[in-house]
C-alpha atoms as a PDB file:
ATOM      1  CA  MET A   1       4.875  35.393   3.507  1.00  0.00           C
ATOM      2  CA  ALA A   2       6.370  32.313   4.693  1.00  0.00           C
ATOM      3  CA  GLU A   3       7.265  29.424   2.053  1.00  0.00           C
ATOM      4  CA  ALA A   4       6.142  26.070   2.715  1.00  0.00           C
ATOM      5  CA  SER A   5       8.841  23.460   2.177  1.00  0.00           C
ATOM      6  CA  LEU A   6       8.676  19.672   2.361  1.00  0.00           C
ATOM      7  CA  THR A   7      11.137  18.182   4.854  1.00  0.00           C
ATOM      8  CA  GLY A   8      12.197  14.373   4.601  1.00  0.00           C
ATOM      9  CA  THR A   9       9.931  13.583   7.202  1.00  0.00           C
ATOM     10  CA  ASP A  10       7.077  15.187   5.360  1.00  0.00           C
ATOM     11  CA  VAL A  11       7.917  13.291   2.276  1.00  0.00           C
ATOM     12  CA  GLU A  12       8.008  10.081   4.060  1.00  0.00           C
ATOM     13  CA  HIS A  13       4.628  10.797   5.840  1.00  0.00           C
ATOM     14  CA  GLU A  14       3.168  11.344   2.569  1.00  0.00           C
ATOM     15  CA  ALA A  15       4.655   8.161   1.078  1.00  0.00           C
ATOM     16  CA  ASN A  16       3.362   6.250   3.935  1.00  0.00           C
ATOM     17  CA  ARG A  17      -0.097   7.677   3.650  1.00  0.00           C
ATOM     18  CA  LEU A  18      -0.018   6.664  -0.114  1.00  0.00           C
ATOM     19  CA  LEU A  19       0.997   3.361   0.610  1.00  0.00           C
ATOM     20  CA  PHE A  20      -1.715   2.824   3.367  1.00  0.00           C
ATOM     21  CA  ARG A  21      -4.488   4.321   0.959  1.00  0.00           C
ATOM     22  CA  ILE A  22      -3.541   2.146  -1.939  1.00  0.00           C
ATOM     23  CA  VAL A  23      -3.497  -0.964   0.215  1.00  0.00           C
ATOM     24  CA  HIS A  24      -6.813  -0.002   1.708  1.00  0.00           C
ATOM     25  CA  GLU A  25      -8.481   0.337  -1.583  1.00  0.00           C
ATOM     26  CA  VAL A  26      -6.860  -2.920  -3.067  1.00  0.00           C
ATOM     27  CA  ALA A  27      -8.302  -4.610   0.175  1.00  0.00           C
ATOM     28  CA  VAL A  28     -11.854  -3.162  -0.265  1.00  0.00           C
ATOM     29  CA  GLY A  29     -11.692  -4.229  -3.981  1.00  0.00           C
ATOM     30  CA  HIS A  30     -10.008  -7.514  -3.914  1.00  0.00           C
ATOM     31  CA  ALA A  31     -10.918  -9.259  -0.563  1.00  0.00           C
ATOM     32  CA  GLY A  32     -10.971 -12.812  -0.718  1.00  0.00           C
ATOM     33  CA  ALA A  33      -9.094 -12.962  -4.294  1.00  0.00           C
ATOM     34  CA  ASP A  34      -6.482 -15.330  -5.061  1.00  0.00           C
ATOM     35  CA  VAL A  35      -3.195 -14.198  -3.484  1.00  0.00           C
ATOM     36  CA  SER A  36      -1.570 -14.155  -6.867  1.00  0.00           C
ATOM     37  CA  GLN A  37      -4.220 -11.738  -8.141  1.00  0.00           C
ATOM     38  CA  VAL A  38      -3.815  -9.531  -5.253  1.00  0.00           C
ATOM     39  CA  VAL A  39      -0.007  -9.274  -5.588  1.00  0.00           C
ATOM     40  CA  ALA A  40      -0.368  -8.609  -9.402  1.00  0.00           C
ATOM     41  CA  VAL A  41      -2.793  -5.645  -8.435  1.00  0.00           C
ATOM     42  CA  LEU A  42      -0.678  -4.432  -5.485  1.00  0.00           C
ATOM     43  CA  ARG A  43       2.530  -4.485  -7.769  1.00  0.00           C
ATOM     44  CA  ARG A  44       0.485  -2.511 -10.494  1.00  0.00           C
ATOM     45  CA  ARG A  45      -0.498   0.187  -8.034  1.00  0.00           C
ATOM     46  CA  LEU A  46       2.666   0.418  -5.945  1.00  0.00           C
ATOM     47  CA  VAL A  47       5.077   0.825  -8.620  1.00  0.00           C
ATOM     48  CA  ASN A  48       6.810   3.957  -7.397  1.00  0.00           C
ATOM     49  CA  VAL A  49       6.111   3.572  -3.803  1.00  0.00           C
ATOM     50  CA  PRO A  50       9.534   3.042  -1.987  1.00  0.00           C
ATOM     51  CA  GLY A  51      10.194   0.344   0.955  1.00  0.00           C
ATOM     52  CA  LEU A  52       8.185  -2.414   0.020  1.00  0.00           C
ATOM     53  CA  ASP A  53      10.099  -5.654  -0.969  1.00  0.00           C
ATOM     54  CA  ASP A  54       8.559  -8.909  -2.413  1.00  0.00           C
ATOM     55  CA  HIS A  55       8.047 -10.682   0.769  1.00  0.00           C
ATOM     56  CA  GLY A  56       6.120  -7.375   2.234  1.00  0.00           C
ATOM     57  CA  LEU A  57       3.861  -7.426  -0.731  1.00  0.00           C
ATOM     58  CA  ARG A  58       3.134 -10.998  -0.429  1.00  0.00           C
ATOM     59  CA  ARG A  59       2.365 -10.767   3.043  1.00  0.00           C
ATOM     60  CA  ILE A  60       0.061  -7.712   2.596  1.00  0.00           C
ATOM     61  CA  ALA A  61      -1.607  -9.885  -0.274  1.00  0.00           C
ATOM     62  CA  GLU A  62      -2.185 -12.857   1.804  1.00  0.00           C
ATOM     63  CA  GLU A  63      -4.003 -10.742   4.596  1.00  0.00           C
ATOM     64  CA  ILE A  64      -6.261  -9.197   1.612  1.00  0.00           C
ATOM     65  CA  SER A  65      -7.040 -12.681   0.264  1.00  0.00           C
ATOM     66  CA  VAL A  66      -8.413 -13.881   3.519  1.00  0.00           C
ATOM     67  CA  GLY A  67     -10.661 -10.554   3.910  1.00  0.00           C
ATOM     68  CA  ARG A  68      -8.421  -8.507   6.164  1.00  0.00           C
ATOM     69  CA  ASP A  69      -7.436  -5.039   5.535  1.00  0.00           C
ATOM     70  CA  PRO A  70      -3.642  -4.776   6.692  1.00  0.00           C
ATOM     71  CA  SER A  71      -3.778  -0.840   6.182  1.00  0.00           C
ATOM     72  CA  GLY A  72      -5.654  -0.324   9.479  1.00  0.00           C
ATOM     73  CA  LEU A  73      -8.009   2.302   7.676  1.00  0.00           C
END
């Protein structure tokens, strides 16, 4: 029986999927909310998701605050 192993690409892919899913959930639940509120929710939800700096977080929050879903889902 072959063993399944995760490669670096698999781990990165799963991290991206998690990021997009969380951004989508926040976009659905907080569309139109104040940017600072959306940033706070994103910070809480994305604690262990690598690759997202403060500028990127704010940019995503701004999109959500005007009713857009930047996840593309």
